[in-house]
N, C-alpha and C. Protein backbone atom coordinates (compact mmCIF):
# COMPACT_ATOMS: atom_id res chain seq x y z
N MET A 1 269.31 11.57 165.92
CA MET A 1 270.47 10.75 166.20
C MET A 1 270.59 9.70 165.09
N SER A 2 271.80 9.48 164.60
CA SER A 2 272.01 8.53 163.51
C SER A 2 272.02 7.09 164.04
N TYR A 3 271.87 6.15 163.12
CA TYR A 3 271.93 4.75 163.51
C TYR A 3 273.30 4.41 164.07
N SER A 4 274.33 5.01 163.53
CA SER A 4 275.68 4.78 164.05
C SER A 4 275.79 5.23 165.50
N GLN A 5 275.25 6.39 165.80
CA GLN A 5 275.28 6.89 167.17
C GLN A 5 274.46 6.02 168.11
N LEU A 6 273.29 5.58 167.63
CA LEU A 6 272.47 4.68 168.44
C LEU A 6 273.20 3.36 168.70
N ALA A 7 273.86 2.86 167.67
CA ALA A 7 274.62 1.61 167.82
C ALA A 7 275.74 1.79 168.85
N GLN A 8 276.41 2.92 168.80
CA GLN A 8 277.48 3.18 169.77
C GLN A 8 276.93 3.20 171.19
N LEU A 9 275.78 3.81 171.38
CA LEU A 9 275.17 3.84 172.71
C LEU A 9 274.80 2.43 173.18
N GLU A 10 274.21 1.65 172.30
CA GLU A 10 273.85 0.28 172.65
C GLU A 10 275.10 -0.53 172.99
N PHE A 11 276.13 -0.34 172.20
CA PHE A 11 277.38 -1.05 172.42
C PHE A 11 277.97 -0.68 173.78
N MET A 12 277.99 0.61 174.09
CA MET A 12 278.53 1.06 175.37
C MET A 12 277.70 0.53 176.53
N ASN A 13 276.40 0.48 176.38
CA ASN A 13 275.55 -0.09 177.42
C ASN A 13 275.87 -1.56 177.65
N ALA A 14 276.08 -2.28 176.57
CA ALA A 14 276.42 -3.70 176.69
C ALA A 14 277.79 -3.87 177.36
N VAL A 15 278.76 -3.07 176.95
CA VAL A 15 280.11 -3.16 177.51
C VAL A 15 280.09 -2.81 179.00
N ASN A 16 279.29 -1.84 179.38
CA ASN A 16 279.24 -1.43 180.79
C ASN A 16 278.68 -2.53 181.69
N SER A 17 277.99 -3.49 181.13
CA SER A 17 277.42 -4.56 181.95
C SER A 17 278.37 -5.74 182.11
N ILE A 18 279.53 -5.70 181.47
CA ILE A 18 280.50 -6.79 181.58
C ILE A 18 281.25 -6.65 182.90
N ASN A 19 281.21 -7.74 183.69
CA ASN A 19 281.79 -7.69 185.03
C ASN A 19 282.88 -8.72 185.29
N SER A 20 283.23 -9.50 184.28
CA SER A 20 284.26 -10.51 184.50
C SER A 20 284.94 -10.86 183.18
N GLU A 21 286.06 -11.55 183.29
CA GLU A 21 286.77 -11.97 182.09
C GLU A 21 285.93 -12.96 181.28
N SER A 22 285.21 -13.82 181.96
CA SER A 22 284.39 -14.80 181.23
C SER A 22 283.27 -14.10 180.47
N GLU A 23 282.67 -13.07 181.05
CA GLU A 23 281.64 -12.30 180.34
C GLU A 23 282.24 -11.57 179.15
N LEU A 24 283.45 -11.04 179.32
CA LEU A 24 284.13 -10.37 178.21
C LEU A 24 284.39 -11.36 177.08
N ASN A 25 284.85 -12.56 177.43
CA ASN A 25 285.09 -13.58 176.40
C ASN A 25 283.80 -13.98 175.70
N GLU A 26 282.71 -14.09 176.44
CA GLU A 26 281.41 -14.40 175.83
C GLU A 26 280.99 -13.28 174.87
N PHE A 27 281.21 -12.05 175.27
CA PHE A 27 280.86 -10.89 174.43
C PHE A 27 281.68 -10.89 173.16
N ARG A 28 282.97 -11.16 173.28
CA ARG A 28 283.83 -11.23 172.09
C ARG A 28 283.36 -12.33 171.15
N ASP A 29 283.04 -13.49 171.72
CA ASP A 29 282.55 -14.60 170.90
C ASP A 29 281.25 -14.24 170.20
N LEU A 30 280.36 -13.56 170.90
CA LEU A 30 279.10 -13.13 170.32
C LEU A 30 279.34 -12.21 169.13
N LEU A 31 280.22 -11.23 169.30
CA LEU A 31 280.54 -10.32 168.20
C LEU A 31 281.19 -11.05 167.03
N ALA A 32 282.10 -11.96 167.35
CA ALA A 32 282.78 -12.71 166.29
C ALA A 32 281.78 -13.54 165.49
N ARG A 33 280.86 -14.21 166.19
CA ARG A 33 279.84 -15.01 165.49
C ARG A 33 278.94 -14.14 164.64
N TYR A 34 278.56 -12.98 165.15
CA TYR A 34 277.69 -12.06 164.41
C TYR A 34 278.35 -11.66 163.08
N PHE A 35 279.61 -11.21 163.16
CA PHE A 35 280.27 -10.75 161.94
C PHE A 35 280.63 -11.91 161.02
N ALA A 36 280.91 -13.07 161.57
CA ALA A 36 281.15 -14.25 160.73
C ALA A 36 279.89 -14.62 159.95
N GLN A 37 278.73 -14.54 160.61
CA GLN A 37 277.46 -14.83 159.92
C GLN A 37 277.19 -13.82 158.81
N LYS A 38 277.48 -12.54 159.07
CA LYS A 38 277.29 -11.52 158.03
C LYS A 38 278.20 -11.79 156.84
N ALA A 39 279.44 -12.16 157.12
CA ALA A 39 280.39 -12.46 156.04
C ALA A 39 279.92 -13.67 155.25
N GLN A 40 279.45 -14.70 155.95
CA GLN A 40 278.98 -15.90 155.27
C GLN A 40 277.79 -15.60 154.37
N LYS A 41 276.87 -14.77 154.86
CA LYS A 41 275.70 -14.39 154.03
C LYS A 41 276.14 -13.62 152.79
N ALA A 42 277.14 -12.76 152.94
CA ALA A 42 277.63 -11.99 151.79
C ALA A 42 278.28 -12.92 150.77
N VAL A 43 279.07 -13.87 151.24
CA VAL A 43 279.71 -14.82 150.33
C VAL A 43 278.66 -15.69 149.66
N ASP A 44 277.67 -16.14 150.42
CA ASP A 44 276.59 -16.95 149.84
C ASP A 44 275.86 -16.17 148.74
N ALA A 45 275.63 -14.89 148.96
CA ALA A 45 274.95 -14.07 147.95
C ALA A 45 275.80 -13.96 146.69
N LEU A 46 277.10 -13.78 146.84
CA LEU A 46 277.99 -13.73 145.67
C LEU A 46 278.00 -15.06 144.94
N TRP A 47 277.98 -16.15 145.69
CA TRP A 47 277.94 -17.48 145.08
C TRP A 47 276.65 -17.66 144.29
N ASP A 48 275.53 -17.30 144.92
CA ASP A 48 274.23 -17.46 144.26
C ASP A 48 274.12 -16.63 142.98
N LYS A 49 274.78 -15.47 142.95
CA LYS A 49 274.74 -14.61 141.76
C LYS A 49 275.77 -15.05 140.71
N GLY A 50 276.60 -16.03 141.04
CA GLY A 50 277.60 -16.51 140.10
C GLY A 50 278.84 -15.65 140.03
N VAL A 51 278.99 -14.74 140.98
CA VAL A 51 280.17 -13.86 141.00
C VAL A 51 281.41 -14.65 141.41
N ILE A 52 281.23 -15.60 142.33
CA ILE A 52 282.34 -16.45 142.74
C ILE A 52 281.93 -17.90 142.58
N ASN A 53 282.96 -18.77 142.46
CA ASN A 53 282.73 -20.20 142.34
C ASN A 53 283.94 -20.91 142.97
N ASN A 54 284.01 -22.23 142.81
CA ASN A 54 285.12 -22.98 143.40
C ASN A 54 286.47 -22.50 142.91
N GLU A 55 286.56 -22.18 141.63
CA GLU A 55 287.83 -21.71 141.08
C GLU A 55 288.26 -20.39 141.71
N THR A 56 287.30 -19.51 141.95
CA THR A 56 287.59 -18.22 142.59
C THR A 56 288.15 -18.45 143.99
N ILE A 57 287.51 -19.31 144.74
CA ILE A 57 287.94 -19.57 146.11
C ILE A 57 289.32 -20.23 146.12
N GLU A 58 289.56 -21.15 145.21
CA GLU A 58 290.89 -21.77 145.11
C GLU A 58 291.95 -20.72 144.77
N ALA A 59 291.62 -19.79 143.88
CA ALA A 59 292.56 -18.73 143.51
C ALA A 59 292.86 -17.84 144.71
N TRP A 60 291.85 -17.54 145.52
CA TRP A 60 292.07 -16.74 146.73
C TRP A 60 293.07 -17.42 147.65
N GLY A 61 292.98 -18.74 147.74
CA GLY A 61 293.89 -19.49 148.60
C GLY A 61 295.33 -19.42 148.15
N GLU A 62 295.56 -19.11 146.88
CA GLU A 62 296.91 -19.03 146.33
C GLU A 62 297.47 -17.61 146.33
N GLU A 63 296.62 -16.62 146.61
CA GLU A 63 297.07 -15.22 146.55
C GLU A 63 297.93 -14.86 147.75
N HIS A 64 298.88 -13.99 147.49
CA HIS A 64 299.70 -13.40 148.54
C HIS A 64 299.47 -11.90 148.46
N MET A 65 298.60 -11.40 149.33
CA MET A 65 298.16 -10.02 149.21
C MET A 65 298.82 -9.10 150.24
N ARG A 66 299.89 -9.54 150.87
CA ARG A 66 300.56 -8.70 151.85
C ARG A 66 301.25 -7.54 151.16
N THR A 67 301.22 -6.41 151.81
CA THR A 67 301.93 -5.25 151.31
C THR A 67 303.40 -5.42 151.65
N PRO A 68 304.29 -5.32 150.67
CA PRO A 68 305.71 -5.48 150.99
C PRO A 68 306.18 -4.34 151.90
N TYR A 69 307.01 -4.71 152.85
CA TYR A 69 307.54 -3.72 153.78
C TYR A 69 309.00 -3.52 153.45
N HIS A 70 309.35 -2.29 153.18
CA HIS A 70 310.73 -1.95 152.84
C HIS A 70 311.34 -1.21 154.01
N TYR A 71 311.99 -1.97 154.89
CA TYR A 71 312.51 -1.42 156.14
C TYR A 71 313.47 -0.27 155.90
N GLU A 72 314.41 -0.43 155.01
CA GLU A 72 315.43 0.60 154.78
C GLU A 72 314.80 1.89 154.25
N ALA A 73 313.80 1.78 153.41
CA ALA A 73 313.17 2.97 152.83
C ALA A 73 312.38 3.75 153.87
N ASN A 74 311.94 3.09 154.93
CA ASN A 74 311.12 3.75 155.93
C ASN A 74 311.89 4.18 157.18
N ARG A 75 313.18 3.95 157.20
CA ARG A 75 313.98 4.34 158.36
C ARG A 75 314.25 5.83 158.35
N SER A 76 314.28 6.38 159.55
CA SER A 76 314.59 7.81 159.67
C SER A 76 316.00 8.01 160.14
């Protein structure tokens, strides 16, 4: 069994134990914190390696990376 499959089983076991909206909210918060910590560690590693710096982060704040949506071109 792969790690992905094991993770899915663990996840399903955890989800099956949720019995209320408050427990669901706690579970969501737990997942959000986990992935936020992973993202922070990844950014910290890039910072430590000199891949990003203050100027990089400021530039990110100015970027507009949305994909343009052309309504007329996509109409049927």
